[in-house]
Amino acid sequence: MSSFEFFFSFYGLLLGLSVAELVGGFARVLHEKDRIRFGLLTPLLAMFVAIEIGTFWNQAWVIFRGAPFNTSVLLIALVIAATFYVAASITFPRVSAEGGEDKIDLDDHFWARRRLVFSCILAANLIVAMVLLVLAQLDPGFAKLASSVRLWVGTGIFVICTATAAFAPWRRAVVAALVIVLLYSLWGVLNAASALIAGGGWAPALGAGG
């Protein structure tokens, strides 16, 4: 087992738990849909968190695949994945069949939890940005990656919008920031899909032709 395989077995497990919390929360809400007022804000937030988890899974390959076995690397991964787990676990409210007949409003839940969710996502991104800056001082490949103007412009947009969504006292500003940062995240996904298509997709599995 390589150092990265060992690292990713740990990091991937923790991010996988975050995915399970997010999907499980959505499933519980659907199960109790008769007493849920859905709205748009919490589903949009859940989509944003899901994209971020997937993005960080990808970043593990870009940033950590050459990392040596080291306890500090595992602890950095633990902090990053733990912040995602917290964000994912509170994106949807806790509902159960024993919850009574009280209505649960997902928009109210968004306003009650948005600071913690967005703060966790912001913290994880800032940690990775600091790791990248440190690696840029040690390795020419990372220095080239860190010199990308597009990378830091995108990071700036992300940080400003996420911080606004977390801490702005004006609801319209919060909703606008959420929409902008979600559209920015979706734009990144579309760019990745375009690059995949331009590269010819991927090779068929062995034996796929019969």
Protein backbone atom coordinates (compact mmCIF):
# COMPACT_ATOMS: atom_id res chain seq x y z
CA MET A 1 0.00 0.00 0.00
CA SER A 2 1.41 3.39 -1.02
CA SER A 3 1.48 6.43 1.27
CA PHE A 4 -1.36 8.02 -0.71
CA GLU A 5 -3.48 4.87 -0.58
CA PHE A 6 -3.04 4.77 3.18
CA PHE A 7 -3.83 8.47 3.49
CA PHE A 8 -6.86 8.25 1.21
CA SER A 9 -8.30 5.23 3.03
CA PHE A 10 -8.53 7.55 6.05
CA TYR A 11 -9.50 10.79 4.31
CA GLY A 12 -11.96 9.13 1.95
CA LEU A 13 -13.67 7.35 4.83
CA LEU A 14 -14.23 10.62 6.67
CA LEU A 15 -15.52 12.43 3.57
CA GLY A 16 -17.71 9.41 2.84
CA LEU A 17 -19.30 9.79 6.27
CA SER A 18 -20.06 13.41 5.37
CA VAL A 19 -21.79 12.27 2.19
CA ALA A 20 -23.75 9.70 4.21
CA GLU A 21 -24.86 12.39 6.68
CA LEU A 22 -25.96 14.72 3.89
CA VAL A 23 -27.85 12.06 1.92
CA GLY A 24 -29.27 10.56 5.11
CA GLY A 25 -30.54 13.96 6.21
CA PHE A 26 -32.25 14.46 2.87
CA ALA A 27 -33.79 10.98 3.05
CA ARG A 28 -35.15 11.63 6.55
CA VAL A 29 -36.70 14.88 5.37
CA LEU A 30 -38.35 13.10 2.45
CA HIS A 31 -39.60 10.39 4.80
CA GLU A 32 -41.32 13.04 6.91
CA LYS A 33 -42.38 15.22 3.96
CA ASP A 34 -45.94 15.59 5.26
CA ARG A 35 -44.74 17.79 8.09
CA ILE A 36 -41.93 19.57 6.24
CA ARG A 37 -42.15 22.96 4.58
CA PHE A 38 -39.41 22.64 1.99
CA GLY A 39 -38.62 26.04 0.52
CA LEU A 40 -35.49 26.53 -1.61
CA LEU A 41 -32.72 27.66 0.71
CA THR A 42 -31.84 24.39 2.46
CA PRO A 43 -31.91 22.31 -0.78
CA LEU A 44 -29.63 24.89 -2.44
CA LEU A 45 -27.34 24.77 0.59
CA ALA A 46 -27.28 20.96 0.44
CA MET A 47 -26.34 21.09 -3.25
CA PHE A 48 -23.51 23.48 -2.44
CA VAL A 49 -22.19 21.28 0.38
CA ALA A 50 -22.38 18.18 -1.83
CA ILE A 51 -20.36 19.85 -4.60
CA GLU A 52 -17.78 21.00 -2.09
CA ILE A 53 -17.35 17.49 -0.69
CA GLY A 54 -16.85 16.16 -4.21
CA THR A 55 -14.39 18.96 -4.97
CA PHE A 56 -12.33 18.15 -1.90
CA TRP A 57 -12.28 14.49 -2.86
CA ASN A 58 -10.75 15.60 -6.17
CA GLN A 59 -8.32 17.97 -4.45
CA ALA A 60 -6.96 15.08 -2.41
CA TRP A 61 -5.64 13.60 -5.66
CA VAL A 62 -4.19 16.91 -6.87
CA ILE A 63 -2.55 18.01 -3.62
CA PHE A 64 -1.96 14.95 -1.47
CA ARG A 65 -1.11 12.15 -3.91
CA GLY A 66 2.63 12.81 -3.52
CA ALA A 67 2.54 13.32 0.24
CA PRO A 68 4.71 11.04 2.37
CA PHE A 69 3.35 9.04 5.27
CA ASN A 70 3.27 11.53 8.11
CA THR A 71 1.07 12.07 11.16
CA SER A 72 0.74 15.81 10.48
CA VAL A 73 -0.75 15.08 7.03
CA LEU A 74 -3.30 12.75 8.59
CA LEU A 75 -4.21 15.38 11.18
CA ILE A 76 -4.69 18.03 8.50
CA ALA A 77 -6.98 15.60 6.67
CA LEU A 78 -8.85 14.94 9.92
CA VAL A 79 -9.49 18.65 10.49
CA ILE A 80 -10.65 19.21 6.91
CA ALA A 81 -12.93 16.17 6.83
CA ALA A 82 -14.29 16.90 10.32
CA THR A 83 -15.39 20.39 9.28
CA PHE A 84 -17.24 18.87 6.34
CA TYR A 85 -18.86 16.27 8.57
CA VAL A 86 -20.17 18.99 10.88
CA ALA A 87 -21.48 21.01 7.92
CA ALA A 88 -23.13 17.98 6.32
CA SER A 89 -24.68 16.75 9.56
CA ILE A 90 -26.54 20.00 10.23
CA THR A 91 -27.49 20.97 6.67
CA PHE A 92 -30.82 19.20 7.15
CA PRO A 93 -32.76 19.20 10.44
CA ARG A 94 -33.00 16.08 12.57
CA VAL A 95 -36.44 14.61 12.04
CA SER A 96 -37.93 11.32 13.16
CA ALA A 97 -41.23 9.51 13.25
CA GLU A 98 -41.45 10.36 16.94
CA GLY A 99 -41.24 14.08 16.21
CA GLY A 100 -44.96 14.74 16.56
CA GLU A 101 -47.12 16.80 14.28
CA ASP A 102 -45.17 20.05 14.51
CA LYS A 103 -44.30 21.48 11.12
CA ILE A 104 -40.60 21.91 10.29
CA ASP A 105 -39.71 24.78 7.98
CA LEU A 106 -36.50 24.17 6.04
CA ASP A 107 -36.06 27.88 5.35
CA ASP A 108 -36.16 28.56 9.11
CA HIS A 109 -33.60 25.81 9.57
CA PHE A 110 -31.37 27.45 6.97
CA TRP A 111 -31.40 30.77 8.81
CA ALA A 112 -30.72 29.04 12.12
CA ARG A 113 -27.74 26.98 10.85
CA ARG A 114 -26.30 28.88 7.89
CA ARG A 115 -23.45 30.52 9.86
CA LEU A 116 -22.05 27.23 11.09
CA VAL A 117 -22.43 25.43 7.74
CA PHE A 118 -20.83 28.19 5.68
CA SER A 119 -18.13 28.76 8.32
CA CYS A 120 -17.14 25.09 8.16
CA ILE A 121 -16.95 25.14 4.37
CA LEU A 122 -14.95 28.37 4.46
CA ALA A 123 -12.55 27.02 7.09
CA ALA A 124 -11.86 23.86 5.08
CA ASN A 125 -11.08 25.88 1.96
CA LEU A 126 -8.78 28.25 3.84
CA ILE A 127 -6.87 25.29 5.31
CA VAL A 128 -6.30 23.84 1.84
CA ALA A 129 -5.25 27.26 0.52
CA MET A 130 -2.66 27.55 3.31
CA VAL A 131 -1.38 24.03 2.57
CA LEU A 132 -1.02 24.96 -1.10
CA LEU A 133 0.90 28.15 -0.24
CA VAL A 134 3.29 26.20 2.00
CA LEU A 135 3.85 23.54 -0.68
CA ALA A 136 4.45 26.28 -3.26
CA GLN A 137 7.52 27.32 -1.27
CA LEU A 138 8.90 23.78 -1.36
CA ASP A 139 8.05 22.39 -4.80
CA PRO A 140 8.20 23.98 -8.30
CA GLY A 141 5.11 22.08 -9.44
CA PHE A 142 3.02 23.49 -6.63
CA ALA A 143 4.61 26.91 -7.16
CA LYS A 144 3.32 26.85 -10.75
CA LEU A 145 -0.12 25.81 -9.55
CA ALA A 146 -0.17 28.54 -6.90
CA SER A 147 0.87 31.20 -9.43
CA SER A 148 -2.39 30.82 -11.35
CA VAL A 149 -4.30 34.10 -11.38
CA ARG A 150 -7.50 32.24 -12.21
CA LEU A 151 -7.07 30.07 -9.10
CA TRP A 152 -6.80 33.01 -6.73
CA VAL A 153 -9.52 35.07 -8.42
CA GLY A 154 -11.82 32.10 -8.03
CA THR A 155 -10.69 31.64 -4.43
CA GLY A 156 -11.41 35.30 -3.74
CA ILE A 157 -14.92 35.03 -5.19
CA PHE A 158 -15.52 31.89 -3.17
CA VAL A 159 -14.25 33.36 0.11
CA ILE A 160 -16.17 36.63 -0.24
CA CYS A 161 -19.44 34.92 -1.14
CA THR A 162 -19.13 32.21 1.51
CA ALA A 163 -18.23 34.71 4.22
CA THR A 164 -21.14 36.92 3.15
CA ALA A 165 -23.53 33.97 3.24
CA ALA A 166 -22.26 33.10 6.72
CA PHE A 167 -22.13 36.48 8.42
CA ALA A 168 -24.08 39.14 6.50
CA PRO A 169 -26.99 40.49 8.55
CA TRP A 170 -29.09 41.20 5.46
CA ARG A 171 -31.13 38.27 4.20
CA ARG A 172 -31.11 39.39 0.58
CA ALA A 173 -27.31 39.59 0.66
CA VAL A 174 -27.12 36.09 2.14
CA VAL A 175 -29.40 34.61 -0.53
CA ALA A 176 -27.54 36.43 -3.31
CA ALA A 177 -24.19 35.16 -1.98
CA LEU A 178 -25.53 31.60 -1.79
CA VAL A 179 -26.79 31.75 -5.38
CA ILE A 180 -23.53 33.23 -6.67
CA VAL A 181 -21.25 30.74 -4.90
CA LEU A 182 -23.48 27.84 -5.98
CA LEU A 183 -23.42 29.02 -9.60
CA TYR A 184 -19.65 29.40 -9.36
CA SER A 185 -19.36 25.83 -8.05
CA LEU A 186 -21.63 24.51 -10.82
CA TRP A 187 -19.53 26.40 -13.37
CA GLY A 188 -16.48 24.52 -12.11
CA VAL A 189 -18.33 21.23 -12.53
CA LEU A 190 -19.34 22.15 -16.09
CA ASN A 191 -15.75 23.10 -16.92
CA ALA A 192 -14.57 19.71 -15.65
CA ALA A 193 -17.23 17.97 -17.75
CA SER A 194 -16.22 19.99 -20.83
CA ALA A 195 -12.58 19.01 -20.32
CA LEU A 196 -13.62 15.36 -20.02
CA ILE A 197 -15.62 15.53 -23.26
CA ALA A 198 -12.83 17.37 -25.07
CA GLY A 199 -10.40 14.68 -23.96
CA GLY A 200 -12.52 11.96 -25.50
CA GLY A 201 -14.12 10.67 -22.30
CA TRP A 202 -12.46 7.54 -20.96
CA ALA A 203 -11.45 4.19 -22.37
CA PRO A 204 -14.08 1.42 -22.32
CA ALA A 205 -13.73 -1.29 -19.75
CA LEU A 206 -11.93 -4.44 -20.81
CA GLY A 207 -14.32 -6.86 -22.43
CA ALA A 208 -17.00 -4.18 -22.95
CA GLY A 209 -17.18 -5.02 -26.60
CA GLY A 210 -18.26 -8.56 -25.83
